[in-house]
C-alpha cells in the first residue's frame, strides 16, 4: 500500500492550501489527515469514511474541508483561513483493516 501526498507549502496567515493524497489500494474504509509539530504528538485533523461521513478536530472546524474521490482513491483537505498554529507536518492516513501512513507534507503558515 502506498500513499502519496502533495500540496504542502508556505502560505501567509489567512491564506489557503489544498492537500491531496492518492492511495494505491482502492477500498479504504477511512481516509484522513493528521498533523504533527515538533515535540508534540500527532493529532487528528479530519477523517472521512468511504460513504462521505466526515469528522473534524475542533481547531479546524469551519475552516478545513475534507473530501474524497473514491474512483481515484484520493482524499483531499481544503484548508482555508490558515493560522500560524496550523503549521505542521501533515500526514495522510488510510485504513483498511489496519492503518497506513503516507509520508508527511510540510505546511508552514507565516504571520
Protein backbone atom coordinates (compact mmCIF):
# COMPACT_ATOMS: atom_id res chain seq x y z
CA UNK A 1 0.00 0.00 0.00
CA UNK A 2 1.36 3.40 -0.96
CA UNK A 3 0.04 6.81 -0.05
CA UNK A 4 1.35 9.78 -2.00
CA UNK A 5 0.64 13.21 -0.54
CA UNK A 6 1.10 16.58 -2.16
CA UNK A 7 0.08 20.21 -1.78
CA UNK A 8 2.02 21.43 1.23
CA UNK A 9 3.96 24.66 1.20
CA UNK A 10 4.32 28.14 2.61
CA UNK A 11 1.35 30.46 2.88
CA UNK A 12 0.54 33.65 4.74
CA UNK A 13 -1.97 33.70 7.56
CA UNK A 14 -5.47 33.88 6.16
CA UNK A 15 -4.49 32.05 3.01
CA UNK A 16 -5.48 28.66 1.66
CA UNK A 17 -3.85 25.39 0.68
CA UNK A 18 -5.21 22.13 -0.66
CA UNK A 19 -3.62 18.83 0.23
CA UNK A 20 -4.11 15.69 -1.83
CA UNK A 21 -3.30 12.09 -1.07
CA UNK A 22 -3.56 9.31 -3.63
CA UNK A 23 -3.72 5.72 -2.43
CA UNK A 24 -2.68 2.59 -4.28
CA UNK A 25 -5.41 0.45 -2.76
CA UNK A 26 -8.99 1.13 -3.67
CA UNK A 27 -11.12 0.10 -0.77
CA UNK A 28 -10.16 2.15 2.23
CA UNK A 29 -12.91 2.43 4.79
CA UNK A 30 -11.47 5.59 6.29
CA UNK A 31 -9.07 8.16 4.88
CA UNK A 32 -7.88 11.29 6.53
CA UNK A 33 -5.22 13.65 7.72
CA UNK A 34 -3.22 14.03 10.90
CA UNK A 35 -0.61 16.62 11.75
CA UNK A 36 2.41 16.88 13.98
CA UNK A 37 4.56 19.70 15.24
CA UNK A 38 7.98 19.17 16.85
CA UNK A 39 7.74 17.97 20.43
CA UNK A 40 4.04 17.18 20.23
CA UNK A 41 2.05 14.06 19.48
CA UNK A 42 0.50 13.50 16.10
CA UNK A 43 -3.06 14.76 16.20
CA UNK A 44 -6.19 14.23 14.20
CA UNK A 45 -7.14 16.87 11.67
CA UNK A 46 -10.01 15.24 9.80
CA UNK A 47 -11.21 11.87 8.57
CA UNK A 48 -13.80 10.76 6.07
CA UNK A 49 -15.47 7.40 5.52
CA UNK A 50 -15.99 5.73 2.18
CA UNK A 51 -19.62 6.92 2.36
CA UNK A 52 -18.57 10.53 2.92
CA UNK A 53 -19.07 10.87 6.65
CA UNK A 54 -16.60 13.47 7.87
CA UNK A 55 -15.10 14.13 11.28
CA UNK A 56 -13.07 17.22 12.20
CA UNK A 57 -10.88 18.25 15.09
CA UNK A 58 -12.29 21.28 16.87
CA UNK A 59 -9.42 23.66 15.93
CA UNK A 60 -10.09 23.20 12.21
CA UNK A 61 -13.88 23.08 12.11
CA UNK A 62 -15.42 25.70 9.84
CA UNK A 63 -12.02 26.29 8.18
CA UNK A 64 -10.98 22.93 6.72
CA UNK A 65 -12.98 20.65 4.46
CA UNK A 66 -12.13 17.02 3.79
CA UNK A 67 -13.39 15.19 0.73
CA UNK A 68 -12.57 12.09 -1.24
CA UNK A 69 -12.83 10.73 -4.73
CA UNK A 70 -13.38 7.01 -4.37
CA UNK A 71 -12.96 6.42 -8.10
CA UNK A 72 -9.45 7.87 -7.92
CA UNK A 73 -8.64 6.60 -4.42
CA UNK A 74 -7.78 10.13 -3.39
CA UNK A 75 -8.53 12.21 -0.33
CA UNK A 76 -8.34 16.00 -0.24
CA UNK A 77 -8.04 18.57 2.51
CA UNK A 78 -9.03 22.10 1.64
CA UNK A 79 -7.56 24.42 4.24
CA UNK A 80 -8.88 27.97 4.40
CA UNK A 81 -8.27 30.85 6.80
CA UNK A 82 -4.97 29.30 7.77
CA UNK A 83 -3.37 30.35 11.04
CA UNK A 84 0.26 30.16 12.18
CA UNK A 85 -0.76 27.45 14.63
CA UNK A 86 -1.74 25.26 11.68
CA UNK A 87 1.96 24.98 10.83
CA UNK A 88 2.86 21.30 11.00
CA UNK A 89 3.79 18.26 9.01
CA UNK A 90 0.56 16.82 7.67
CA UNK A 91 0.26 13.06 7.26
CA UNK A 92 -2.19 11.21 5.09
CA UNK A 93 -3.86 8.23 6.74
CA UNK A 94 -5.85 5.37 5.28
CA UNK A 95 -7.49 2.42 6.96
CA UNK A 96 -8.41 -0.98 5.59
CA UNK A 97 -8.32 -3.48 8.39
CA UNK A 98 -5.31 -1.65 9.73
CA UNK A 99 -3.93 1.84 9.36
CA UNK A 100 -1.42 3.05 6.81
CA UNK A 101 0.53 6.30 6.83
CA UNK A 102 1.89 8.33 3.98
CA UNK A 103 4.99 10.49 4.10
CA UNK A 104 4.35 13.88 5.62
CA UNK A 105 3.99 17.12 3.75
CA UNK A 106 5.04 20.34 5.44
CA UNK A 107 2.57 23.20 5.79
CA UNK A 108 4.02 26.48 7.01
CA UNK A 109 1.77 29.42 7.79
CA UNK A 110 3.55 32.72 8.30
CA UNK A 111 2.12 35.52 10.43
